[in-house]
Amino acid sequence: EFRVPPFHSTIPMFAYTYPIPKEYAEHQIRKYGFHGTSVKYVSHIATRKLQQHFKDGRKPKIIIAHLGNGASVTAVKDGKVRNILFLKEENMILS
């Protein structure tokens, strides 16, 4: 059984089914996130530091780029993952 970390389980349906054929989604095949522990930590720290700029209680919208051992870009809104993009290593220039 594959367990999804709770942080990436907040990806909305439109985002986790968009990149796959409809018939796959009908069999509960979906896109999941990676780098969850790293992204969750960065999201938490960034929200805490940026919160002082939001006097009305709103949470900041954050874009997190995880580079190293693969790469992903994650959009976080209200502390929840809204979408995630994965980059293949052959599309990255590494030094």
C-alpha atoms as a PDB file:
ATOM      1  CA  GLU A   1       0.000   0.000   0.000  1.00  0.00           C
ATOM      2  CA  PHE A   2       1.300   3.439  -0.953  1.00  0.00           C
ATOM      3  CA  ARG A   3       0.666   6.084   1.675  1.00  0.00           C
ATOM      4  CA  VAL A   4       0.550   9.748   0.753  1.00  0.00           C
ATOM      5  CA  PRO A   5       2.125  12.130   3.227  1.00  0.00           C
ATOM      6  CA  PRO A   6      -0.650  14.321   4.657  1.00  0.00           C
ATOM      7  CA  PHE A   7       0.988  17.514   3.366  1.00  0.00           C
ATOM      8  CA  HIS A   8       0.601  16.530  -0.292  1.00  0.00           C
ATOM      9  CA  SER A   9      -2.842  15.000   0.229  1.00  0.00           C
ATOM     10  CA  THR A  10      -4.260  18.539   0.017  1.00  0.00           C
ATOM     11  CA  ILE A  11      -3.604  18.800  -3.729  1.00  0.00           C
ATOM     12  CA  PRO A  12      -7.030  19.558  -5.266  1.00  0.00           C
ATOM     13  CA  MET A  13      -8.575  17.100  -7.710  1.00  0.00           C
ATOM     14  CA  PHE A  14      -8.066  19.332 -10.781  1.00  0.00           C
ATOM     15  CA  ALA A  15      -4.327  19.394 -10.072  1.00  0.00           C
ATOM     16  CA  TYR A  16      -3.785  15.706  -9.359  1.00  0.00           C
ATOM     17  CA  THR A  17      -5.840  14.455 -12.315  1.00  0.00           C
ATOM     18  CA  TYR A  18      -4.901  17.027 -14.973  1.00  0.00           C
ATOM     19  CA  PRO A  19      -1.681  15.427 -16.239  1.00  0.00           C
ATOM     20  CA  ILE A  20      -3.053  11.890 -16.638  1.00  0.00           C
ATOM     21  CA  PRO A  21      -5.600  10.275 -18.982  1.00  0.00           C
ATOM     22  CA  LYS A  22      -9.194  10.317 -17.704  1.00  0.00           C
ATOM     23  CA  GLU A  23      -9.426   6.513 -17.678  1.00  0.00           C
ATOM     24  CA  TYR A  24      -6.455   6.370 -15.276  1.00  0.00           C
ATOM     25  CA  ALA A  25      -8.179   8.738 -12.874  1.00  0.00           C
ATOM     26  CA  GLU A  26     -11.256   6.509 -12.954  1.00  0.00           C
ATOM     27  CA  HIS A  27      -9.058   3.788 -11.392  1.00  0.00           C
ATOM     28  CA  GLN A  28      -7.805   6.140  -8.634  1.00  0.00           C
ATOM     29  CA  ILE A  29      -4.460   6.655 -10.358  1.00  0.00           C
ATOM     30  CA  ARG A  30      -3.344  10.211  -9.640  1.00  0.00           C
ATOM     31  CA  LYS A  31      -0.381  12.541  -9.368  1.00  0.00           C
ATOM     32  CA  TYR A  32       1.278  12.780  -5.946  1.00  0.00           C
ATOM     33  CA  GLY A  33       3.854  15.180  -4.584  1.00  0.00           C
ATOM     34  CA  PHE A  34       7.483  14.634  -3.729  1.00  0.00           C
ATOM     35  CA  HIS A  35       9.856  16.337  -1.323  1.00  0.00           C
ATOM     36  CA  GLY A  36       6.964  16.626   1.149  1.00  0.00           C
ATOM     37  CA  THR A  37       9.056  16.864   4.303  1.00  0.00           C
ATOM     38  CA  SER A  38      11.269  19.597   2.829  1.00  0.00           C
ATOM     39  CA  VAL A  39       8.368  21.535   1.316  1.00  0.00           C
ATOM     40  CA  LYS A  40       6.301  21.306   4.501  1.00  0.00           C
ATOM     41  CA  TYR A  41       9.194  22.644   6.594  1.00  0.00           C
ATOM     42  CA  VAL A  42       9.948  25.527   4.216  1.00  0.00           C
ATOM     43  CA  SER A  43       6.234  26.368   3.988  1.00  0.00           C
ATOM     44  CA  HIS A  44       5.913  26.453   7.773  1.00  0.00           C
ATOM     45  CA  ILE A  45       8.991  28.654   8.280  1.00  0.00           C
ATOM     46  CA  ALA A  46       8.112  31.017   5.402  1.00  0.00           C
ATOM     47  CA  THR A  47       4.516  31.395   6.611  1.00  0.00           C
ATOM     48  CA  ARG A  48       5.704  32.171  10.121  1.00  0.00           C
ATOM     49  CA  LYS A  49       8.170  34.803   8.892  1.00  0.00           C
ATOM     50  CA  LEU A  50       5.774  36.385   6.373  1.00  0.00           C
ATOM     51  CA  GLN A  51       2.701  36.335   8.634  1.00  0.00           C
ATOM     52  CA  GLN A  52       3.668  39.691  10.177  1.00  0.00           C
ATOM     53  CA  HIS A  53       2.868  41.354   6.833  1.00  0.00           C
ATOM     54  CA  PHE A  54      -0.714  40.008   6.848  1.00  0.00           C
ATOM     55  CA  LYS A  55      -2.530  41.996   9.537  1.00  0.00           C
ATOM     56  CA  ASP A  56      -5.960  40.644   8.540  1.00  0.00           C
ATOM     57  CA  GLY A  57      -5.103  37.016   9.406  1.00  0.00           C
ATOM     58  CA  ARG A  58      -4.638  35.794   5.838  1.00  0.00           C
ATOM     59  CA  LYS A  59      -1.812  33.354   5.142  1.00  0.00           C
ATOM     60  CA  PRO A  60       0.727  34.121   2.407  1.00  0.00           C
ATOM     61  CA  LYS A  61       0.704  32.348  -0.944  1.00  0.00           C
ATOM     62  CA  ILE A  62       4.090  30.672  -1.358  1.00  0.00           C
ATOM     63  CA  ILE A  63       5.972  29.110  -4.279  1.00  0.00           C
ATOM     64  CA  ILE A  64       8.660  26.680  -3.090  1.00  0.00           C
ATOM     65  CA  ALA A  65      11.404  25.357  -5.370  1.00  0.00           C
ATOM     66  CA  HIS A  66      13.143  22.205  -4.128  1.00  0.00           C
ATOM     67  CA  LEU A  67      16.421  21.659  -5.983  1.00  0.00           C
ATOM     68  CA  GLY A  68      18.621  18.677  -5.258  1.00  0.00           C
ATOM     69  CA  ASN A  69      17.948  14.935  -5.561  1.00  0.00           C
ATOM     70  CA  GLY A  70      15.401  15.849  -8.196  1.00  0.00           C
ATOM     71  CA  ALA A  71      13.491  19.092  -8.421  1.00  0.00           C
ATOM     72  CA  SER A  72       9.955  20.203  -7.775  1.00  0.00           C
ATOM     73  CA  VAL A  73       8.066  23.466  -7.570  1.00  0.00           C
ATOM     74  CA  THR A  74       5.122  23.568  -5.166  1.00  0.00           C
ATOM     75  CA  ALA A  75       2.377  26.181  -4.827  1.00  0.00           C
ATOM     76  CA  VAL A  76       1.080  26.554  -1.259  1.00  0.00           C
ATOM     77  CA  LYS A  77      -2.002  28.590  -0.313  1.00  0.00           C
ATOM     78  CA  ASP A  78      -3.520  28.757   3.172  1.00  0.00           C
ATOM     79  CA  GLY A  79      -0.974  26.170   4.318  1.00  0.00           C
ATOM     80  CA  LYS A  80      -2.180  23.597   1.764  1.00  0.00           C
ATOM     81  CA  VAL A  81      -0.578  22.335  -1.429  1.00  0.00           C
ATOM     82  CA  ARG A  82      -2.480  23.659  -4.445  1.00  0.00           C
ATOM     83  CA  ASN A  83      -0.282  22.285  -7.215  1.00  0.00           C
ATOM     84  CA  ILE A  84       3.129  20.743  -7.833  1.00  0.00           C
ATOM     85  CA  LEU A  85       5.439  20.536 -10.826  1.00  0.00           C
ATOM     86  CA  PHE A  86       8.226  17.983 -11.207  1.00  0.00           C
ATOM     87  CA  LEU A  87      11.353  18.545 -13.238  1.00  0.00           C
ATOM     88  CA  LYS A  88      13.274  15.682 -14.777  1.00  0.00           C
ATOM     89  CA  GLU A  89      16.988  15.600 -14.070  1.00  0.00           C
ATOM     90  CA  GLU A  90      17.814  15.582 -17.795  1.00  0.00           C
ATOM     91  CA  ASN A  91      16.051  18.970 -18.070  1.00  0.00           C
ATOM     92  CA  MET A  92      18.202  20.514 -15.346  1.00  0.00           C
ATOM     93  CA  ILE A  93      21.744  21.791 -15.550  1.00  0.00           C
ATOM     94  CA  LEU A  94      23.624  20.448 -12.559  1.00  0.00           C
ATOM     95  CA  SER A  95      27.153  21.335 -11.543  1.00  0.00           C
END
